[in-house]
Amino acid sequence: MRRPVILLSVIASLLFSLPVYAGAPLDTIQLNVNKVLDVLRDPKLKAESAKEAKKEKLRLIYNIMFDDVELGKRTLSRNWNSLNTAQRQEFVKLFRQVLEKAYVDKILDYTNENIVFDKETMLSATQAEVQTKIVTASKEIPIAYRVIVKGGVWKVYDIVIENVSLVLNYRTQFNDILEKNKPEHLLEILREKVKGQ
């Protein structure tokens, strides 16, 4: 997840998409990727002055695409129960902002890499994993999207890039903090990260 091409590919092909009613998860991801690419390729949004407008379009798509609460729960794992309702709500909001800060500029640097949709695997009646890959001039980067169906809509709750899970990566960091500190300390760290935007 450190390499810019990987981060760009992940977000460009996943982070932002439009809702699709429950059906084949692979079809849903493919449609969503195309919606993202439409925004990234829009000639009206190419100018530097349109950068914020492009970000806002992507945020609106992200709102529909991701299950922020599911992402937050899975990231904190057992520590989710250590947070009260207000802390959970703030964590979900802050974590989303941290992810945007980490990835949005890389998404905007999209350079027309090819995306191949390989297969889907049903993990349960309500969860699936969609295997894709980003094809660059020099290599192929495997990316898996983990989705869950809620309210008839497939939503993303994790991304796995070259066998590294976004959820597990952040879970390790947050668990290290919460082993020695109270939830408020983690929230303060996230507040500071967001302020640094």
C-alpha atoms as a PDB file:
ATOM      1  CA  MET A   1       0.000   0.000   0.000  1.00  0.00           C
ATOM      2  CA  ARG A   2       2.990   2.250  -0.036  1.00  0.00           C
ATOM      3  CA  ARG A   3       3.445   2.566  -3.741  1.00  0.00           C
ATOM      4  CA  PRO A   4       1.576   5.439  -5.426  1.00  0.00           C
ATOM      5  CA  VAL A   5       0.481   3.322  -8.371  1.00  0.00           C
ATOM      6  CA  ILE A   6      -1.125   0.814  -6.041  1.00  0.00           C
ATOM      7  CA  LEU A   7      -2.877   3.472  -4.003  1.00  0.00           C
ATOM      8  CA  LEU A   8      -4.070   5.227  -7.113  1.00  0.00           C
ATOM      9  CA  SER A   9      -5.350   2.006  -8.585  1.00  0.00           C
ATOM     10  CA  VAL A  10      -7.153   1.006  -5.451  1.00  0.00           C
ATOM     11  CA  ILE A  11      -8.999   4.176  -4.969  1.00  0.00           C
ATOM     12  CA  ALA A  12      -9.615   4.836  -8.611  1.00  0.00           C
ATOM     13  CA  SER A  13     -11.222   1.470  -8.970  1.00  0.00           C
ATOM     14  CA  LEU A  14     -12.975   1.262  -5.644  1.00  0.00           C
ATOM     15  CA  LEU A  15     -13.257   4.110  -3.256  1.00  0.00           C
ATOM     16  CA  PHE A  16     -15.878   5.932  -5.201  1.00  0.00           C
ATOM     17  CA  SER A  17     -18.804   4.355  -6.970  1.00  0.00           C
ATOM     18  CA  LEU A  18     -22.525   4.433  -7.397  1.00  0.00           C
ATOM     19  CA  PRO A  19     -25.008   2.048  -5.757  1.00  0.00           C
ATOM     20  CA  VAL A  20     -26.246  -1.047  -7.473  1.00  0.00           C
ATOM     21  CA  TYR A  21     -29.035  -3.218  -6.177  1.00  0.00           C
ATOM     22  CA  ALA A  22     -28.021  -6.656  -5.010  1.00  0.00           C
ATOM     23  CA  GLY A  23     -26.917  -8.759  -7.903  1.00  0.00           C
ATOM     24  CA  ALA A  24     -23.579 -10.052  -8.986  1.00  0.00           C
ATOM     25  CA  PRO A  25     -20.947  -8.339  -6.847  1.00  0.00           C
ATOM     26  CA  LEU A  26     -18.476  -8.360  -9.731  1.00  0.00           C
ATOM     27  CA  ASP A  27     -20.964  -6.540 -11.952  1.00  0.00           C
ATOM     28  CA  THR A  28     -21.486  -4.003  -9.185  1.00  0.00           C
ATOM     29  CA  ILE A  29     -17.777  -3.321  -8.792  1.00  0.00           C
ATOM     30  CA  GLN A  30     -17.310  -3.079 -12.549  1.00  0.00           C
ATOM     31  CA  LEU A  31     -20.118  -0.551 -12.887  1.00  0.00           C
ATOM     32  CA  ASN A  32     -18.750   1.420  -9.940  1.00  0.00           C
ATOM     33  CA  VAL A  33     -15.255   1.533 -11.383  1.00  0.00           C
ATOM     34  CA  ASN A  34     -16.619   2.901 -14.627  1.00  0.00           C
ATOM     35  CA  LYS A  35     -18.438   5.668 -12.750  1.00  0.00           C
ATOM     36  CA  VAL A  36     -15.218   6.618 -10.990  1.00  0.00           C
ATOM     37  CA  LEU A  37     -13.312   6.660 -14.244  1.00  0.00           C
ATOM     38  CA  ASP A  38     -15.967   8.870 -15.815  1.00  0.00           C
ATOM     39  CA  VAL A  39     -15.273  11.488 -13.143  1.00  0.00           C
ATOM     40  CA  LEU A  40     -11.501  11.140 -13.421  1.00  0.00           C
ATOM     41  CA  ARG A  41     -11.579  11.431 -17.216  1.00  0.00           C
ATOM     42  CA  ASP A  42     -14.110  14.260 -17.420  1.00  0.00           C
ATOM     43  CA  PRO A  43     -12.431  16.987 -19.546  1.00  0.00           C
ATOM     44  CA  LYS A  44     -14.418  19.664 -17.710  1.00  0.00           C
ATOM     45  CA  LEU A  45     -12.671  18.644 -14.491  1.00  0.00           C
ATOM     46  CA  LYS A  46      -9.091  18.504 -15.792  1.00  0.00           C
ATOM     47  CA  ALA A  47      -8.058  22.054 -14.873  1.00  0.00           C
ATOM     48  CA  GLU A  48      -6.355  22.652 -11.536  1.00  0.00           C
ATOM     49  CA  SER A  49      -9.158  25.087 -10.709  1.00  0.00           C
ATOM     50  CA  ALA A  50     -11.628  22.175 -10.937  1.00  0.00           C
ATOM     51  CA  LYS A  51      -9.780  20.010  -8.418  1.00  0.00           C
ATOM     52  CA  GLU A  52     -12.144  20.734  -5.532  1.00  0.00           C
ATOM     53  CA  ALA A  53     -15.193  20.175  -7.737  1.00  0.00           C
ATOM     54  CA  LYS A  54     -13.775  16.797  -8.767  1.00  0.00           C
ATOM     55  CA  LYS A  55     -13.091  15.884  -5.135  1.00  0.00           C
ATOM     56  CA  GLU A  56     -16.655  16.787  -4.220  1.00  0.00           C
ATOM     57  CA  LYS A  57     -18.053  14.562  -6.978  1.00  0.00           C
ATOM     58  CA  LEU A  58     -15.912  11.710  -5.705  1.00  0.00           C
ATOM     59  CA  ARG A  59     -17.035  12.329  -2.117  1.00  0.00           C
ATOM     60  CA  LEU A  60     -20.667  12.086  -3.157  1.00  0.00           C
ATOM     61  CA  ILE A  61     -20.014   8.776  -4.874  1.00  0.00           C
ATOM     62  CA  TYR A  62     -18.041   7.526  -1.873  1.00  0.00           C
ATOM     63  CA  ASN A  63     -20.980   8.354   0.403  1.00  0.00           C
ATOM     64  CA  ILE A  64     -23.097   5.887  -1.509  1.00  0.00           C
ATOM     65  CA  MET A  65     -20.389   3.308  -2.133  1.00  0.00           C
ATOM     66  CA  PHE A  66     -18.836   2.635   1.258  1.00  0.00           C
ATOM     67  CA  ASP A  67     -20.344   1.290   4.437  1.00  0.00           C
ATOM     68  CA  ASP A  68     -18.427   3.572   6.786  1.00  0.00           C
ATOM     69  CA  VAL A  69     -19.802   1.952   9.943  1.00  0.00           C
ATOM     70  CA  GLU A  70     -18.924  -1.560   8.764  1.00  0.00           C
ATOM     71  CA  LEU A  71     -15.441  -0.333   7.827  1.00  0.00           C
ATOM     72  CA  GLY A  72     -15.041   1.262  11.259  1.00  0.00           C
ATOM     73  CA  LYS A  73     -16.274  -1.790  13.150  1.00  0.00           C
ATOM     74  CA  ARG A  74     -14.014  -4.162  11.280  1.00  0.00           C
ATOM     75  CA  THR A  75     -11.027  -1.847  11.648  1.00  0.00           C
ATOM     76  CA  LEU A  76     -11.408  -1.499  15.421  1.00  0.00           C
ATOM     77  CA  SER A  77     -12.527  -5.125  15.824  1.00  0.00           C
ATOM     78  CA  ARG A  78     -12.903  -5.960  19.539  1.00  0.00           C
ATOM     79  CA  ASN A  79     -12.033  -2.360  20.450  1.00  0.00           C
ATOM     80  CA  TRP A  80     -15.261  -1.126  18.815  1.00  0.00           C
ATOM     81  CA  ASN A  81     -17.080  -2.111  22.027  1.00  0.00           C
ATOM     82  CA  SER A  82     -14.738   0.115  24.070  1.00  0.00           C
ATOM     83  CA  LEU A  83     -16.196   3.219  22.416  1.00  0.00           C
ATOM     84  CA  ASN A  84     -19.494   4.747  23.461  1.00  0.00           C
ATOM     85  CA  THR A  85     -22.055   5.770  20.831  1.00  0.00           C
ATOM     86  CA  ALA A  86     -20.746   9.328  20.443  1.00  0.00           C
ATOM     87  CA  GLN A  87     -17.140   8.100  20.191  1.00  0.00           C
ATOM     88  CA  ARG A  88     -18.108   5.546  17.533  1.00  0.00           C
ATOM     89  CA  GLN A  89     -19.823   8.209  15.465  1.00  0.00           C
ATOM     90  CA  GLU A  90     -16.824  10.506  15.729  1.00  0.00           C
ATOM     91  CA  PHE A  91     -14.401   7.678  14.935  1.00  0.00           C
ATOM     92  CA  VAL A  92     -16.304   6.751  11.753  1.00  0.00           C
ATOM     93  CA  LYS A  93     -16.307  10.383  10.606  1.00  0.00           C
ATOM     94  CA  LEU A  94     -12.636  10.989  11.431  1.00  0.00           C
ATOM     95  CA  PHE A  95     -11.450   7.702   9.925  1.00  0.00           C
ATOM     96  CA  ARG A  96     -13.173   8.542   6.682  1.00  0.00           C
ATOM     97  CA  GLN A  97     -11.416  11.925   6.605  1.00  0.00           C
ATOM     98  CA  VAL A  98      -8.053  10.284   7.338  1.00  0.00           C
ATOM     99  CA  LEU A  99      -8.570   7.876   4.433  1.00  0.00           C
ATOM    100  CA  GLU A 100      -9.476  10.740   2.120  1.00  0.00           C
ATOM    101  CA  LYS A 101      -6.371  12.648   3.167  1.00  0.00           C
ATOM    102  CA  ALA A 102      -4.218   9.580   2.529  1.00  0.00           C
ATOM    103  CA  TYR A 103      -5.630   8.644  -0.872  1.00  0.00           C
ATOM    104  CA  VAL A 104      -7.541  11.345  -2.722  1.00  0.00           C
ATOM    105  CA  ASP A 105      -4.579  13.081  -4.355  1.00  0.00           C
ATOM    106  CA  LYS A 106      -3.286   9.736  -5.600  1.00  0.00           C
ATOM    107  CA  ILE A 107      -6.681   9.042  -7.136  1.00  0.00           C
ATOM    108  CA  LEU A 108      -6.630  12.382  -8.890  1.00  0.00           C
ATOM    109  CA  ASP A 109      -3.280  11.444 -10.429  1.00  0.00           C
ATOM    110  CA  TYR A 110      -4.938   8.594 -12.331  1.00  0.00           C
ATOM    111  CA  THR A 111      -3.122   7.943 -15.629  1.00  0.00           C
ATOM    112  CA  ASN A 112      -5.499   5.597 -17.440  1.00  0.00           C
ATOM    113  CA  GLU A 113      -4.239   2.214 -16.212  1.00  0.00           C
ATOM    114  CA  ASN A 114      -6.287  -0.769 -17.364  1.00  0.00           C
ATOM    115  CA  ILE A 115      -8.501  -2.556 -14.865  1.00  0.00           C
ATOM    116  CA  VAL A 116      -9.335  -6.239 -15.366  1.00  0.00           C
ATOM    117  CA  PHE A 117     -12.245  -7.850 -13.531  1.00  0.00           C
ATOM    118  CA  ASP A 118     -11.400 -11.484 -12.833  1.00  0.00           C
ATOM    119  CA  LYS A 119     -13.950 -13.215 -10.630  1.00  0.00           C
ATOM    120  CA  GLU A 120     -16.130 -13.041  -7.552  1.00  0.00           C
ATOM    121  CA  THR A 121     -16.233 -15.416  -4.620  1.00  0.00           C
ATOM    122  CA  MET A 122     -19.227 -15.523  -2.300  1.00  0.00           C
ATOM    123  CA  LEU A 123     -17.965 -15.576   1.288  1.00  0.00           C
ATOM    124  CA  SER A 124     -21.476 -15.972   2.704  1.00  0.00           C
ATOM    125  CA  ALA A 125     -25.036 -15.177   1.651  1.00  0.00           C
ATOM    126  CA  THR A 126     -24.373 -11.474   2.282  1.00  0.00           C
ATOM    127  CA  GLN A 127     -20.633 -11.048   1.667  1.00  0.00           C
ATOM    128  CA  ALA A 128     -18.397 -11.473  -1.351  1.00  0.00           C
ATOM    129  CA  GLU A 129     -14.887 -10.787  -2.577  1.00  0.00           C
ATOM    130  CA  VAL A 130     -14.303  -9.469  -6.078  1.00  0.00           C
ATOM    131  CA  GLN A 131     -10.882 -10.126  -7.607  1.00  0.00           C
ATOM    132  CA  THR A 132      -9.512  -7.526 -10.006  1.00  0.00           C
ATOM    133  CA  LYS A 133      -6.121  -6.398 -11.186  1.00  0.00           C
ATOM    134  CA  ILE A 134      -4.577  -3.169 -12.336  1.00  0.00           C
ATOM    135  CA  VAL A 135      -2.463  -3.614 -15.451  1.00  0.00           C
ATOM    136  CA  THR A 136       0.376  -1.137 -15.848  1.00  0.00           C
ATOM    137  CA  ALA A 137       3.109  -1.034 -18.471  1.00  0.00           C
ATOM    138  CA  SER A 138       5.399  -3.086 -16.242  1.00  0.00           C
ATOM    139  CA  LYS A 139       3.226  -5.300 -14.031  1.00  0.00           C
ATOM    140  CA  GLU A 140      -0.146  -6.459 -12.749  1.00  0.00           C
ATOM    141  CA  ILE A 141      -1.350  -5.453  -9.301  1.00  0.00           C
ATOM    142  CA  PRO A 142      -3.991  -7.714  -7.712  1.00  0.00           C
ATOM    143  CA  ILE A 143      -6.759  -5.915  -5.853  1.00  0.00           C
ATOM    144  CA  ALA A 144      -9.658  -7.564  -4.053  1.00  0.00           C
ATOM    145  CA  TYR A 145     -12.791  -5.719  -2.988  1.00  0.00           C
ATOM    146  CA  ARG A 146     -14.715  -7.101  -0.035  1.00  0.00           C
ATOM    147  CA  VAL A 147     -18.361  -6.178  -0.172  1.00  0.00           C
ATOM    148  CA  ILE A 148     -21.439  -6.733   1.951  1.00  0.00           C
ATOM    149  CA  VAL A 149     -25.054  -6.409   0.905  1.00  0.00           C
ATOM    150  CA  LYS A 150     -27.223  -4.157   3.074  1.00  0.00           C
ATOM    151  CA  GLY A 151     -30.614  -2.804   2.163  1.00  0.00           C
ATOM    152  CA  GLY A 152     -30.324  -4.439  -1.245  1.00  0.00           C
ATOM    153  CA  VAL A 153     -27.062  -2.617  -2.071  1.00  0.00           C
ATOM    154  CA  TRP A 154     -23.538  -4.065  -2.270  1.00  0.00           C
ATOM    155  CA  LYS A 155     -21.178  -1.849  -0.271  1.00  0.00           C
ATOM    156  CA  VAL A 156     -17.428  -2.032   0.201  1.00  0.00           C
ATOM    157  CA  TYR A 157     -16.013  -2.689   3.659  1.00  0.00           C
ATOM    158  CA  ASP A 158     -12.392  -3.558   2.821  1.00  0.00           C
ATOM    159  CA  ILE A 159      -9.803  -3.428   0.041  1.00  0.00           C
ATOM    160  CA  VAL A 160      -6.944  -5.910  -0.260  1.00  0.00           C
ATOM    161  CA  ILE A 161      -3.996  -4.768  -2.371  1.00  0.00           C
ATOM    162  CA  GLU A 162      -1.264  -7.285  -3.102  1.00  0.00           C
ATOM    163  CA  ASN A 163      -2.518  -9.354  -0.139  1.00  0.00           C
ATOM    164  CA  VAL A 164      -2.482  -6.363   2.240  1.00  0.00           C
ATOM    165  CA  SER A 165      -5.863  -5.515   3.747  1.00  0.00           C
ATOM    166  CA  LEU A 166      -6.708  -1.857   4.366  1.00  0.00           C
ATOM    167  CA  VAL A 167      -8.757  -2.896   7.413  1.00  0.00           C
ATOM    168  CA  LEU A 168      -6.046  -5.097   8.909  1.00  0.00           C
ATOM    169  CA  ASN A 169      -3.345  -2.505   8.258  1.00  0.00           C
ATOM    170  CA  TYR A 170      -5.212   0.192  10.187  1.00  0.00           C
ATOM    171  CA  ARG A 171      -6.427  -2.307  12.806  1.00  0.00           C
ATOM    172  CA  THR A 172      -2.832  -3.050  13.752  1.00  0.00           C
ATOM    173  CA  GLN A 173      -2.046   0.642  14.157  1.00  0.00           C
ATOM    174  CA  PHE A 174      -5.198   1.409  16.145  1.00  0.00           C
ATOM    175  CA  ASN A 175      -4.903  -1.681  18.362  1.00  0.00           C
ATOM    176  CA  ASP A 176      -1.370  -0.643  19.306  1.00  0.00           C
ATOM    177  CA  ILE A 177      -2.716   2.738  20.423  1.00  0.00           C
ATOM    178  CA  LEU A 178      -5.699   1.305  22.280  1.00  0.00           C
ATOM    179  CA  GLU A 179      -3.659  -1.301  24.144  1.00  0.00           C
ATOM    180  CA  LYS A 180      -2.072   1.478  26.195  1.00  0.00           C
ATOM    181  CA  ASN A 181      -4.578   4.312  25.923  1.00  0.00           C
ATOM    182  CA  LYS A 182      -8.272   5.090  26.212  1.00  0.00           C
ATOM    183  CA  PRO A 183     -10.445   5.613  23.103  1.00  0.00           C
ATOM    184  CA  GLU A 184     -10.307   9.392  23.566  1.00  0.00           C
ATOM    185  CA  HIS A 185      -6.564   9.278  22.890  1.00  0.00           C
ATOM    186  CA  LEU A 186      -7.120   7.556  19.537  1.00  0.00           C
ATOM    187  CA  LEU A 187      -9.776  10.113  18.632  1.00  0.00           C
ATOM    188  CA  GLU A 188      -7.393  12.947  19.489  1.00  0.00           C
ATOM    189  CA  ILE A 189      -4.711  11.439  17.227  1.00  0.00           C
ATOM    190  CA  LEU A 190      -7.235  11.222  14.386  1.00  0.00           C
ATOM    191  CA  ARG A 191      -8.413  14.804  15.011  1.00  0.00           C
ATOM    192  CA  GLU A 192      -4.839  16.011  14.680  1.00  0.00           C
ATOM    193  CA  LYS A 193      -4.365  14.062  11.430  1.00  0.00           C
ATOM    194  CA  VAL A 194      -7.500  15.619  10.001  1.00  0.00           C
ATOM    195  CA  LYS A 195      -6.439  19.125  11.071  1.00  0.00           C
ATOM    196  CA  GLY A 196      -3.224  18.643   9.164  1.00  0.00           C
ATOM    197  CA  GLN A 197      -5.157  18.444   5.855  1.00  0.00           C
END
